Amino acid sequence: AVAAGREPDIVVGKPQPRLFRTAAESVGEEPARAIVIGDSLYSDIAAANAIGARSVLMLTGVTTRAQADAAMAAGVGARPTAIAADPDELAAVLERMAADEPWALSG
């Protein structure tokens, strides 16, 4: 905005939902059927919540378990559907989600 002297017409980056809506629509799916995996409550998980998608917070990047617990206890930041500490736990979470809704990981 500073360089151009005006605000952008469209914001594409997270946590704005446009990016996820466009991705889902490009494969013929409803955005709410997505599973968003990310490491930030404030961008990744917030974007998932904005489109009504399920989400998994990965504790391998930006957010630690203590930070996630504190933010959720204080009602700050977005609330994920699940939390995974590592790739093995992520695989288990995705398997549970697929068992709940068989279409989730199918072809």
PDB file of N, CA and C in Angstrom:
ATOM      1  N   ALA A   1       0.821  -1.187   0.000  1.00  0.00           N
ATOM      2  CA  ALA A   1       0.000   0.000   0.000  1.00  0.00           C
ATOM      3  C   ALA A   1       0.865   1.252   0.000  1.00  0.00           C
ATOM      4  N   VAL A   2       1.990   1.222   0.681  1.00  0.00           N
ATOM      5  CA  VAL A   2       2.829   2.416   0.766  1.00  0.00           C
ATOM      6  C   VAL A   2       3.457   2.730  -0.585  1.00  0.00           C
ATOM      7  N   ALA A   3       4.011   1.734  -1.257  1.00  0.00           N
ATOM      8  CA  ALA A   3       4.672   1.964  -2.540  1.00  0.00           C
ATOM      9  C   ALA A   3       3.693   2.438  -3.600  1.00  0.00           C
ATOM     10  N   ALA A   4       2.503   1.875  -3.634  1.00  0.00           N
ATOM     11  CA  ALA A   4       1.510   2.236  -4.644  1.00  0.00           C
ATOM     12  C   ALA A   4       0.662   3.422  -4.212  1.00  0.00           C
ATOM     13  N   GLY A   5       0.674   3.726  -2.937  1.00  0.00           N
ATOM     14  CA  GLY A   5      -0.124   4.826  -2.444  1.00  0.00           C
ATOM     15  C   GLY A   5      -1.595   4.504  -2.273  1.00  0.00           C
ATOM     16  N   ARG A   6      -1.951   3.213  -2.289  1.00  0.00           N
ATOM     17  CA  ARG A   6      -3.351   2.823  -2.090  1.00  0.00           C
ATOM     18  C   ARG A   6      -3.423   1.411  -1.536  1.00  0.00           C
ATOM     19  N   GLU A   7      -4.567   1.066  -1.016  1.00  0.00           N
ATOM     20  CA  GLU A   7      -4.800  -0.276  -0.485  1.00  0.00           C
ATOM     21  C   GLU A   7      -5.067  -1.245  -1.638  1.00  0.00           C
ATOM     22  N   PRO A   8      -4.734  -2.525  -1.476  1.00  0.00           N
ATOM     23  CA  PRO A   8      -4.996  -3.499  -2.543  1.00  0.00           C
ATOM     24  C   PRO A   8      -6.494  -3.742  -2.716  1.00  0.00           C
ATOM     25  N   ASP A   9      -6.892  -4.059  -3.954  1.00  0.00           N
ATOM     26  CA  ASP A   9      -8.292  -4.389  -4.231  1.00  0.00           C
ATOM     27  C   ASP A   9      -8.642  -5.768  -3.690  1.00  0.00           C
ATOM     28  N   ILE A  10      -7.683  -6.694  -3.773  1.00  0.00           N
ATOM     29  CA  ILE A  10      -7.902  -8.072  -3.338  1.00  0.00           C
ATOM     30  C   ILE A  10      -6.704  -8.516  -2.508  1.00  0.00           C
ATOM     31  N   VAL A  11      -6.972  -9.162  -1.378  1.00  0.00           N
ATOM     32  CA  VAL A  11      -5.911  -9.747  -0.560  1.00  0.00           C
ATOM     33  C   VAL A  11      -5.982 -11.253  -0.742  1.00  0.00           C
ATOM     34  N   VAL A  12      -4.893 -11.863  -1.191  1.00  0.00           N
ATOM     35  CA  VAL A  12      -4.888 -13.289  -1.501  1.00  0.00           C
ATOM     36  C   VAL A  12      -4.272 -14.117  -0.385  1.00  0.00           C
ATOM     37  N   GLY A  13      -3.355 -13.595   0.353  1.00  0.00           N
ATOM     38  CA  GLY A  13      -2.636 -14.380   1.351  1.00  0.00           C
ATOM     39  C   GLY A  13      -3.465 -14.749   2.567  1.00  0.00           C
ATOM     40  N   LYS A  14      -2.949 -15.719   3.325  1.00  0.00           N
ATOM     41  CA  LYS A  14      -3.608 -16.158   4.553  1.00  0.00           C
ATOM     42  C   LYS A  14      -3.553 -15.033   5.583  1.00  0.00           C
ATOM     43  N   PRO A  15      -4.533 -14.861   6.406  1.00  0.00           N
ATOM     44  CA  PRO A  15      -5.671 -15.736   6.666  1.00  0.00           C
ATOM     45  C   PRO A  15      -6.901 -15.462   5.805  1.00  0.00           C
ATOM     46  N   GLN A  16      -6.778 -14.636   4.784  1.00  0.00           N
ATOM     47  CA  GLN A  16      -7.931 -14.404   3.908  1.00  0.00           C
ATOM     48  C   GLN A  16      -8.334 -15.716   3.236  1.00  0.00           C
ATOM     49  N   PRO A  17      -9.613 -16.023   3.144  1.00  0.00           N
ATOM     50  CA  PRO A  17     -10.065 -17.321   2.637  1.00  0.00           C
ATOM     51  C   PRO A  17      -9.984 -17.494   1.124  1.00  0.00           C
ATOM     52  N   ARG A  18      -9.746 -16.434   0.376  1.00  0.00           N
ATOM     53  CA  ARG A  18      -9.777 -16.507  -1.088  1.00  0.00           C
ATOM     54  C   ARG A  18      -8.853 -17.598  -1.646  1.00  0.00           C
ATOM     55  N   LEU A  19      -7.642 -17.708  -1.149  1.00  0.00           N
ATOM     56  CA  LEU A  19      -6.669 -18.691  -1.625  1.00  0.00           C
ATOM     57  C   LEU A  19      -7.219 -20.108  -1.507  1.00  0.00           C
ATOM     58  N   PHE A  20      -7.794 -20.443  -0.359  1.00  0.00           N
ATOM     59  CA  PHE A  20      -8.322 -21.788  -0.139  1.00  0.00           C
ATOM     60  C   PHE A  20      -9.586 -22.036  -0.954  1.00  0.00           C
ATOM     61  N   ARG A  21     -10.422 -21.019  -1.082  1.00  0.00           N
ATOM     62  CA  ARG A  21     -11.634 -21.177  -1.909  1.00  0.00           C
ATOM     63  C   ARG A  21     -11.257 -21.451  -3.356  1.00  0.00           C
ATOM     64  N   THR A  22     -10.308 -20.703  -3.873  1.00  0.00           N
ATOM     65  CA  THR A  22      -9.871 -20.880  -5.256  1.00  0.00           C
ATOM     66  C   THR A  22      -9.263 -22.262  -5.459  1.00  0.00           C
ATOM     67  N   ALA A  23      -8.442 -22.713  -4.524  1.00  0.00           N
ATOM     68  CA  ALA A  23      -7.827 -24.043  -4.639  1.00  0.00           C
ATOM     69  C   ALA A  23      -8.883 -25.136  -4.651  1.00  0.00           C
ATOM     70  N   ALA A  24      -9.846 -25.060  -3.757  1.00  0.00           N
ATOM     71  CA  ALA A  24     -10.902 -26.079  -3.695  1.00  0.00           C
ATOM     72  C   ALA A  24     -11.743 -26.069  -4.962  1.00  0.00           C
ATOM     73  N   GLU A  25     -12.122 -24.896  -5.403  1.00  0.00           N
ATOM     74  CA  GLU A  25     -12.947 -24.797  -6.599  1.00  0.00           C
ATOM     75  C   GLU A  25     -12.211 -25.293  -7.834  1.00  0.00           C
ATOM     76  N   SER A  26     -10.881 -25.133  -7.880  1.00  0.00           N
ATOM     77  CA  SER A  26     -10.110 -25.572  -9.047  1.00  0.00           C
ATOM     78  C   SER A  26     -10.112 -27.088  -9.208  1.00  0.00           C
ATOM     79  N   VAL A  27     -10.402 -27.812  -8.129  1.00  0.00           N
ATOM     80  CA  VAL A  27     -10.503 -29.276  -8.214  1.00  0.00           C
ATOM     81  C   VAL A  27     -11.944 -29.742  -8.053  1.00  0.00           C
ATOM     82  N   GLY A  28     -12.875 -28.804  -8.146  1.00  0.00           N
ATOM     83  CA  GLY A  28     -14.291 -29.153  -8.120  1.00  0.00           C
ATOM     84  C   GLY A  28     -14.838 -29.550  -6.766  1.00  0.00           C
ATOM     85  N   GLU A  29     -14.246 -29.061  -5.703  1.00  0.00           N
ATOM     86  CA  GLU A  29     -14.705 -29.391  -4.350  1.00  0.00           C
ATOM     87  C   GLU A  29     -15.204 -28.152  -3.624  1.00  0.00           C
ATOM     88  N   GLU A  30     -15.999 -28.399  -2.614  1.00  0.00           N
ATOM     89  CA  GLU A  30     -16.437 -27.329  -1.729  1.00  0.00           C
ATOM     90  C   GLU A  30     -15.299 -27.025  -0.751  1.00  0.00           C
ATOM     91  N   PRO A  31     -15.009 -25.755  -0.498  1.00  0.00           N
ATOM     92  CA  PRO A  31     -13.941 -25.419   0.446  1.00  0.00           C
ATOM     93  C   PRO A  31     -14.118 -26.062   1.822  1.00  0.00           C
ATOM     94  N   ALA A  32     -15.340 -26.208   2.272  1.00  0.00           N
ATOM     95  CA  ALA A  32     -15.591 -26.782   3.598  1.00  0.00           C
ATOM     96  C   ALA A  32     -15.196 -28.252   3.684  1.00  0.00           C
ATOM     97  N   ARG A  33     -14.975 -28.915   2.557  1.00  0.00           N
ATOM     98  CA  ARG A  33     -14.563 -30.321   2.575  1.00  0.00           C
ATOM     99  C   ARG A  33     -13.048 -30.485   2.686  1.00  0.00           C
ATOM    100  N   ALA A  34     -12.328 -29.380   2.695  1.00  0.00           N
ATOM    101  CA  ALA A  34     -10.863 -29.428   2.762  1.00  0.00           C
ATOM    102  C   ALA A  34     -10.380 -29.740   4.173  1.00  0.00           C
ATOM    103  N   ILE A  35      -9.149 -30.215   4.234  1.00  0.00           N
ATOM    104  CA  ILE A  35      -8.425 -30.335   5.497  1.00  0.00           C
ATOM    105  C   ILE A  35      -7.180 -29.470   5.335  1.00  0.00           C
ATOM    106  N   VAL A  36      -7.093 -28.418   6.114  1.00  0.00           N
ATOM    107  CA  VAL A  36      -5.969 -27.498   6.040  1.00  0.00           C
ATOM    108  C   VAL A  36      -4.960 -27.886   7.112  1.00  0.00           C
ATOM    109  N   ILE A  37      -3.712 -28.050   6.701  1.00  0.00           N
ATOM    110  CA  ILE A  37      -2.628 -28.402   7.618  1.00  0.00           C
ATOM    111  C   ILE A  37      -1.677 -27.212   7.669  1.00  0.00           C
ATOM    112  N   GLY A  38      -1.418 -26.704   8.856  1.00  0.00           N
ATOM    113  CA  GLY A  38      -0.532 -25.556   8.969  1.00  0.00           C
ATOM    114  C   GLY A  38       0.071 -25.440  10.350  1.00  0.00           C
ATOM    115  N   ASP A  39       1.020 -24.511  10.479  1.00  0.00           N
ATOM    116  CA  ASP A  39       1.729 -24.374  11.755  1.00  0.00           C
ATOM    117  C   ASP A  39       1.444 -23.056  12.468  1.00  0.00           C
ATOM    118  N   SER A  40       0.458 -22.301  11.980  1.00  0.00           N
ATOM    119  CA  SER A  40       0.136 -21.018  12.612  1.00  0.00           C
ATOM    120  C   SER A  40      -1.354 -20.908  12.894  1.00  0.00           C
ATOM    121  N   LEU A  41      -1.681 -20.625  14.157  1.00  0.00           N
ATOM    122  CA  LEU A  41      -3.083 -20.395  14.515  1.00  0.00           C
ATOM    123  C   LEU A  41      -3.624 -19.157  13.817  1.00  0.00           C
ATOM    124  N   TYR A  42      -2.766 -18.167  13.622  1.00  0.00           N
ATOM    125  CA  TYR A  42      -3.214 -16.853  13.161  1.00  0.00           C
ATOM    126  C   TYR A  42      -3.310 -16.727  11.647  1.00  0.00           C
ATOM    127  N   SER A  43      -2.687 -17.618  10.889  1.00  0.00           N
ATOM    128  CA  SER A  43      -2.831 -17.552   9.432  1.00  0.00           C
ATOM    129  C   SER A  43      -3.457 -18.835   8.902  1.00  0.00           C
ATOM    130  N   ASP A  44      -2.802 -19.964   9.068  1.00  0.00           N
ATOM    131  CA  ASP A  44      -3.282 -21.227   8.503  1.00  0.00           C
ATOM    132  C   ASP A  44      -4.622 -21.660   9.095  1.00  0.00           C
ATOM    133  N   ILE A  45      -4.686 -21.749  10.404  1.00  0.00           N
ATOM    134  CA  ILE A  45      -5.898 -22.248  11.059  1.00  0.00           C
ATOM    135  C   ILE A  45      -7.023 -21.216  10.952  1.00  0.00           C
ATOM    136  N   ALA A  46      -6.685 -19.944  11.029  1.00  0.00           N
ATOM    137  CA  ALA A  46      -7.705 -18.900  10.847  1.00  0.00           C
ATOM    138  C   ALA A  46      -8.304 -18.969   9.450  1.00  0.00           C
ATOM    139  N   ALA A  47      -7.479 -19.214   8.440  1.00  0.00           N
ATOM    140  CA  ALA A  47      -7.987 -19.335   7.068  1.00  0.00           C
ATOM    141  C   ALA A  47      -8.891 -20.553   6.931  1.00  0.00           C
ATOM    142  N   ALA A  48      -8.502 -21.663   7.540  1.00  0.00           N
ATOM    143  CA  ALA A  48      -9.342 -22.871   7.502  1.00  0.00           C
ATOM    144  C   ALA A  48     -10.699 -22.593   8.131  1.00  0.00           C
ATOM    145  N   ASN A  49     -10.693 -21.942   9.273  1.00  0.00           N
ATOM    146  CA  ASN A  49     -11.952 -21.627   9.953  1.00  0.00           C
ATOM    147  C   ASN A  49     -12.818 -20.693   9.114  1.00  0.00           C
ATOM    148  N   ALA A  50     -12.183 -19.786   8.383  1.00  0.00           N
ATOM    149  CA  ALA A  50     -12.932 -18.828   7.564  1.00  0.00           C
ATOM    150  C   ALA A  50     -13.716 -19.509   6.446  1.00  0.00           C
ATOM    151  N   ILE A  51     -13.249 -20.678   5.980  1.00  0.00           N
ATOM    152  CA  ILE A  51     -13.970 -21.391   4.919  1.00  0.00           C
ATOM    153  C   ILE A  51     -14.754 -22.582   5.463  1.00  0.00           C
ATOM    154  N   GLY A  52     -14.720 -22.771   6.774  1.00  0.00           N
ATOM    155  CA  GLY A  52     -15.457 -23.880   7.376  1.00  0.00           C
ATOM    156  C   GLY A  52     -14.789 -25.226   7.207  1.00  0.00           C
ATOM    157  N   ALA A  53     -13.488 -25.230   6.923  1.00  0.00           N
ATOM    158  CA  ALA A  53     -12.747 -26.479   6.725  1.00  0.00           C
ATOM    159  C   ALA A  53     -12.234 -27.029   8.050  1.00  0.00           C
ATOM    160  N   ARG A  54     -11.968 -28.322   8.063  1.00  0.00           N
ATOM    161  CA  ARG A  54     -11.275 -28.909   9.207  1.00  0.00           C
ATOM    162  C   ARG A  54      -9.806 -28.526   9.110  1.00  0.00           C
ATOM    163  N   SER A  55      -9.118 -28.555  10.246  1.00  0.00           N
ATOM    164  CA  SER A  55      -7.722 -28.131  10.247  1.00  0.00           C
ATOM    165  C   SER A  55      -6.901 -28.946  11.230  1.00  0.00           C
ATOM    166  N   VAL A  56      -5.613 -29.035  10.914  1.00  0.00           N
ATOM    167  CA  VAL A  56      -4.656 -29.688  11.803  1.00  0.00           C
ATOM    168  C   VAL A  56      -3.515 -28.704  12.042  1.00  0.00           C
ATOM    169  N   LEU A  57      -3.307 -28.358  13.299  1.00  0.00           N
ATOM    170  CA  LEU A  57      -2.185 -27.500  13.669  1.00  0.00           C
ATOM    171  C   LEU A  57      -0.966 -28.381  13.866  1.00  0.00           C
ATOM    172  N   MET A  58       0.074 -28.139  13.068  1.00  0.00           N
ATOM    173  CA  MET A  58       1.332 -28.869  13.211  1.00  0.00           C
ATOM    174  C   MET A  58       2.237 -28.113  14.172  1.00  0.00           C
ATOM    175  N   LEU A  59       2.805 -28.827  15.106  1.00  0.00           N
ATOM    176  CA  LEU A  59       3.688 -28.218  16.101  1.00  0.00           C
ATOM    177  C   LEU A  59       5.149 -28.307  15.679  1.00  0.00           C
ATOM    178  N   THR A  60       5.398 -28.355  14.378  1.00  0.00           N
ATOM    179  CA  THR A  60       6.762 -28.484  13.873  1.00  0.00           C
ATOM    180  C   THR A  60       7.299 -27.180  13.305  1.00  0.00           C
ATOM    181  N   GLY A  61       6.586 -26.086  13.509  1.00  0.00           N
ATOM    182  CA  GLY A  61       7.013 -24.818  12.918  1.00  0.00           C
ATOM    183  C   GLY A  61       6.816 -23.647  13.844  1.00  0.00           C
ATOM    184  N   VAL A  62       5.936 -22.748  13.469  1.00  0.00           N
ATOM    185  CA  VAL A  62       5.744 -21.473  14.151  1.00  0.00           C
ATOM    186  C   VAL A  62       5.199 -21.627  15.564  1.00  0.00           C
ATOM    187  N   THR A  63       4.184 -22.459  15.741  1.00  0.00           N
ATOM    188  CA  THR A  63       3.464 -22.536  17.016  1.00  0.00           C
ATOM    189  C   THR A  63       3.914 -23.731  17.849  1.00  0.00           C
ATOM    190  N   THR A  64       4.211 -23.492  19.118  1.00  0.00           N
ATOM    191  CA  THR A  64       4.537 -24.584  20.039  1.00  0.00           C
ATOM    192  C   THR A  64       3.258 -25.036  20.749  1.00  0.00           C
ATOM    193  N   ARG A  65       3.316 -26.182  21.407  1.00  0.00           N
ATOM    194  CA  ARG A  65       2.160 -26.680  22.169  1.00  0.00           C
ATOM    195  C   ARG A  65       1.763 -25.672  23.250  1.00  0.00           C
ATOM    196  N   ALA A  66       2.753 -25.140  23.966  1.00  0.00           N
ATOM    197  CA  ALA A  66       2.462 -24.176  25.031  1.00  0.00           C
ATOM    198  C   ALA A  66       1.793 -22.923  24.471  1.00  0.00           C
ATOM    199  N   GLN A  67       2.270 -22.438  23.338  1.00  0.00           N
ATOM    200  CA  GLN A  67       1.660 -21.262  22.715  1.00  0.00           C
ATOM    201  C   GLN A  67       0.229 -21.555  22.272  1.00  0.00           C
ATOM    202  N   ALA A  68       0.014 -22.723  21.679  1.00  0.00           N
ATOM    203  CA  ALA A  68      -1.333 -23.102  21.225  1.00  0.00           C
ATOM    204  C   ALA A  68      -2.278 -23.212  22.411  1.00  0.00           C
ATOM    205  N   ASP A  69      -1.835 -23.897  23.458  1.00  0.00           N
ATOM    206  CA  ASP A  69      -2.676 -24.057  24.650  1.00  0.00           C
ATOM    207  C   ASP A  69      -3.017 -22.703  25.267  1.00  0.00           C
ATOM    208  N   ALA A  70      -2.022 -21.824  25.377  1.00  0.00           N
ATOM    209  CA  ALA A  70      -2.242 -20.507  25.978  1.00  0.00           C
ATOM    210  C   ALA A  70      -3.188 -19.663  25.127  1.00  0.00           C
ATOM    211  N   ALA A  71      -2.991 -19.680  23.823  1.00  0.00           N
ATOM    212  CA  ALA A  71      -3.842 -18.886  22.929  1.00  0.00           C
ATOM    213  C   ALA A  71      -5.284 -19.373  22.969  1.00  0.00           C
ATOM    214  N   MET A  72      -5.467 -20.686  22.940  1.00  0.00           N
ATOM    215  CA  MET A  72      -6.827 -21.226  22.953  1.00  0.00           C
ATOM    216  C   MET A  72      -7.497 -21.010  24.311  1.00  0.00           C
ATOM    217  N   ALA A  73      -6.732 -21.122  25.399  1.00  0.00           N
ATOM    218  CA  ALA A  73      -7.298 -20.880  26.732  1.00  0.00           C
ATOM    219  C   ALA A  73      -7.736 -19.427  26.883  1.00  0.00           C
ATOM    220  N   ALA A  74      -6.991 -18.527  26.249  1.00  0.00           N
ATOM    221  CA  ALA A  74      -7.312 -17.101  26.325  1.00  0.00           C
ATOM    222  C   ALA A  74      -8.346 -16.682  25.279  1.00  0.00           C
ATOM    223  N   GLY A  75      -8.718 -17.620  24.406  1.00  0.00           N
ATOM    224  CA  GLY A  75      -9.672 -17.287  23.350  1.00  0.00           C
ATOM    225  C   GLY A  75      -9.068 -16.418  22.261  1.00  0.00           C
ATOM    226  N   VAL A  76      -7.750 -16.504  22.116  1.00  0.00           N
ATOM    227  CA  VAL A  76      -7.035 -15.716  21.117  1.00  0.00           C
ATOM    228  C   VAL A  76      -6.592 -16.653  20.005  1.00  0.00           C
ATOM    229  N   GLY A  77      -6.722 -16.229  18.770  1.00  0.00           N
ATOM    230  CA  GLY A  77      -6.324 -17.077  17.655  1.00  0.00           C
ATOM    231  C   GLY A  77      -7.414 -18.070  17.313  1.00  0.00           C
ATOM    232  N   ALA A  78      -7.208 -18.773  16.240  1.00  0.00           N
ATOM    233  CA  ALA A  78      -8.198 -19.732  15.760  1.00  0.00           C
ATOM    234  C   ALA A  78      -8.032 -21.074  16.459  1.00  0.00           C
ATOM    235  N   ARG A  79      -9.109 -21.827  16.516  1.00  0.00           N
ATOM    236  CA  ARG A  79      -9.090 -23.140  17.161  1.00  0.00           C
ATOM    237  C   ARG A  79      -9.033 -24.217  16.075  1.00  0.00           C
ATOM    238  N   PRO A  80      -7.985 -25.066  16.081  1.00  0.00           N
ATOM    239  CA  PRO A  80      -7.889 -26.137  15.087  1.00  0.00           C
ATOM    240  C   PRO A  80      -8.809 -27.310  15.424  1.00  0.00           C
ATOM    241  N   THR A  81      -9.104 -28.113  14.418  1.00  0.00           N
ATOM    242  CA  THR A  81      -9.872 -29.337  14.629  1.00  0.00           C
ATOM    243  C   THR A  81      -9.032 -30.343  15.407  1.00  0.00           C
ATOM    244  N   ALA A  82      -7.733 -30.392  15.086  1.00  0.00           N
ATOM    245  CA  ALA A  82      -6.812 -31.333  15.729  1.00  0.00           C
ATOM    246  C   ALA A  82      -5.424 -30.705  15.793  1.00  0.00           C
ATOM    247  N   ILE A  83      -4.574 -31.299  16.632  1.00  0.00           N
ATOM    248  CA  ILE A  83      -3.181 -30.864  16.753  1.00  0.00           C
ATOM    249  C   ILE A  83      -2.298 -32.088  16.569  1.00  0.00           C
ATOM    250  N   ALA A  84      -1.214 -31.926  15.798  1.00  0.00           N
ATOM    251  CA  ALA A  84      -0.261 -33.015  15.587  1.00  0.00           C
ATOM    252  C   ALA A  84       1.142 -32.516  15.908  1.00  0.00           C
ATOM    253  N   ALA A  85       1.872 -33.306  16.677  1.00  0.00           N
ATOM    254  CA  ALA A  85       3.215 -32.913  17.101  1.00  0.00           C
ATOM    255  C   ALA A  85       4.283 -33.226  16.063  1.00  0.00           C
ATOM    256  N   ASP A  86       4.018 -34.206  15.186  1.00  0.00           N
ATOM    257  CA  ASP A  86       5.016 -34.628  14.211  1.00  0.00           C
ATOM    258  C   ASP A  86       4.312 -35.318  13.039  1.00  0.00           C
ATOM    259  N   PRO A  87       5.052 -35.667  11.987  1.00  0.00           N
ATOM    260  CA  PRO A  87       4.422 -36.294  10.821  1.00  0.00           C
ATOM    261  C   PRO A  87       3.698 -37.609  11.125  1.00  0.00           C
ATOM    262  N   ASP A  88       4.208 -38.405  12.048  1.00  0.00           N
ATOM    263  CA  ASP A  88       3.525 -39.654  12.402  1.00  0.00           C
ATOM    264  C   ASP A  88       2.168 -39.375  13.033  1.00  0.00           C
ATOM    265  N   GLU A  89       2.130 -38.393  13.918  1.00  0.00           N
ATOM    266  CA  GLU A  89       0.860 -38.032  14.541  1.00  0.00           C
ATOM    267  C   GLU A  89      -0.090 -37.422  13.506  1.00  0.00           C
ATOM    268  N   LEU A  90       0.446 -36.660  12.554  1.00  0.00           N
ATOM    269  CA  LEU A  90      -0.379 -36.111  11.481  1.00  0.00           C
ATOM    270  C   LEU A  90      -1.029 -37.236  10.686  1.00  0.00           C
ATOM    271  N   ALA A  91      -0.257 -38.260  10.354  1.00  0.00           N
ATOM    272  CA  ALA A  91      -0.813 -39.398   9.611  1.00  0.00           C
ATOM    273  C   ALA A  91      -1.957 -40.043  10.383  1.00  0.00           C
ATOM    274  N   ALA A  92      -1.791 -40.194  11.685  1.00  0.00           N
ATOM    275  CA  ALA A  92      -2.846 -40.791  12.512  1.00  0.00           C
ATOM    276  C   ALA A  92      -4.089 -39.901  12.546  1.00  0.00           C
ATOM    277  N   VAL A  93      -3.892 -38.595  12.647  1.00  0.00           N
ATOM    278  CA  VAL A  93      -5.021 -37.655  12.652  1.00  0.00           C
ATOM    279  C   VAL A  93      -5.773 -37.737  11.328  1.00  0.00           C
ATOM    280  N   LEU A  94      -5.042 -37.750  10.219  1.00  0.00           N
ATOM    281  CA  LEU A  94      -5.689 -37.819   8.908  1.00  0.00           C
ATOM    282  C   LEU A  94      -6.436 -39.132   8.720  1.00  0.00           C
ATOM    283  N   GLU A  95      -5.889 -40.217   9.250  1.00  0.00           N
ATOM    284  CA  GLU A  95      -6.596 -41.504   9.184  1.00  0.00           C
ATOM    285  C   GLU A  95      -7.906 -41.439   9.960  1.00  0.00           C
ATOM    286  N   ARG A  96      -7.878 -40.820  11.141  1.00  0.00           N
ATOM    287  CA  ARG A  96      -9.115 -40.675  11.924  1.00  0.00           C
ATOM    288  C   ARG A  96     -10.130 -39.808  11.185  1.00  0.00           C
ATOM    289  N   MET A  97      -9.665 -38.732  10.576  1.00  0.00           N
ATOM    290  CA  MET A  97     -10.571 -37.869   9.817  1.00  0.00           C
ATOM    291  C   MET A  97     -11.163 -38.616   8.623  1.00  0.00           C
ATOM    292  N   ALA A  98     -10.355 -39.417   7.959  1.00  0.00           N
ATOM    293  CA  ALA A  98     -10.837 -40.196   6.816  1.00  0.00           C
ATOM    294  C   ALA A  98     -11.855 -41.234   7.264  1.00  0.00           C
ATOM    295  N   ALA A  99     -11.663 -41.804   8.442  1.00  0.00           N
ATOM    296  CA  ALA A  99     -12.611 -42.796   8.961  1.00  0.00           C
ATOM    297  C   ALA A  99     -13.952 -42.140   9.270  1.00  0.00           C
ATOM    298  N   ASP A 100     -13.919 -40.887   9.701  1.00  0.00           N
ATOM    299  CA  ASP A 100     -15.155 -40.148   9.974  1.00  0.00           C
ATOM    300  C   ASP A 100     -15.907 -39.828   8.695  1.00  0.00           C
ATOM    301  N   GLU A 101     -15.167 -39.520   7.628  1.00  0.00           N
ATOM    302  CA  GLU A 101     -15.763 -39.164   6.348  1.00  0.00           C
ATOM    303  C   GLU A 101     -14.922 -39.809   5.258  1.00  0.00           C
ATOM    304  N   PRO A 102     -15.338 -40.958   4.731  1.00  0.00           N
ATOM    305  CA  PRO A 102     -14.537 -41.744   3.794  1.00  0.00           C
ATOM    306  C   PRO A 102     -14.051 -40.994   2.556  1.00  0.00           C
ATOM    307  N   TRP A 103     -14.752 -39.974   2.118  1.00  0.00           N
ATOM    308  CA  TRP A 103     -14.335 -39.240   0.925  1.00  0.00           C
ATOM    309  C   TRP A 103     -13.081 -38.414   1.148  1.00  0.00           C
ATOM    310  N   ALA A 104     -12.729 -38.131   2.400  1.00  0.00           N
ATOM    311  CA  ALA A 104     -11.705 -37.140   2.713  1.00  0.00           C
ATOM    312  C   ALA A 104     -10.357 -37.420   2.062  1.00  0.00           C
ATOM    313  N   LEU A 105      -9.933 -38.657   2.002  1.00  0.00           N
ATOM    314  CA  LEU A 105      -8.621 -38.962   1.438  1.00  0.00           C
ATOM    315  C   LEU A 105      -8.715 -39.824   0.183  1.00  0.00           C
ATOM    316  N   SER A 106      -9.892 -39.932  -0.402  1.00  0.00           N
ATOM    317  CA  SER A 106     -10.036 -40.790  -1.579  1.00  0.00           C
ATOM    318  C   SER A 106      -9.637 -40.054  -2.842  1.00  0.00           C
ATOM    319  N   GLY A 107      -9.291 -40.856  -3.871  1.00  0.00           N
ATOM    320  CA  GLY A 107      -8.844 -40.500  -5.166  1.00  0.00           C
ATOM    321  C   GLY A 107      -9.095 -39.245  -5.783  1.00  0.00           C
TER     322      GLY A 107
END
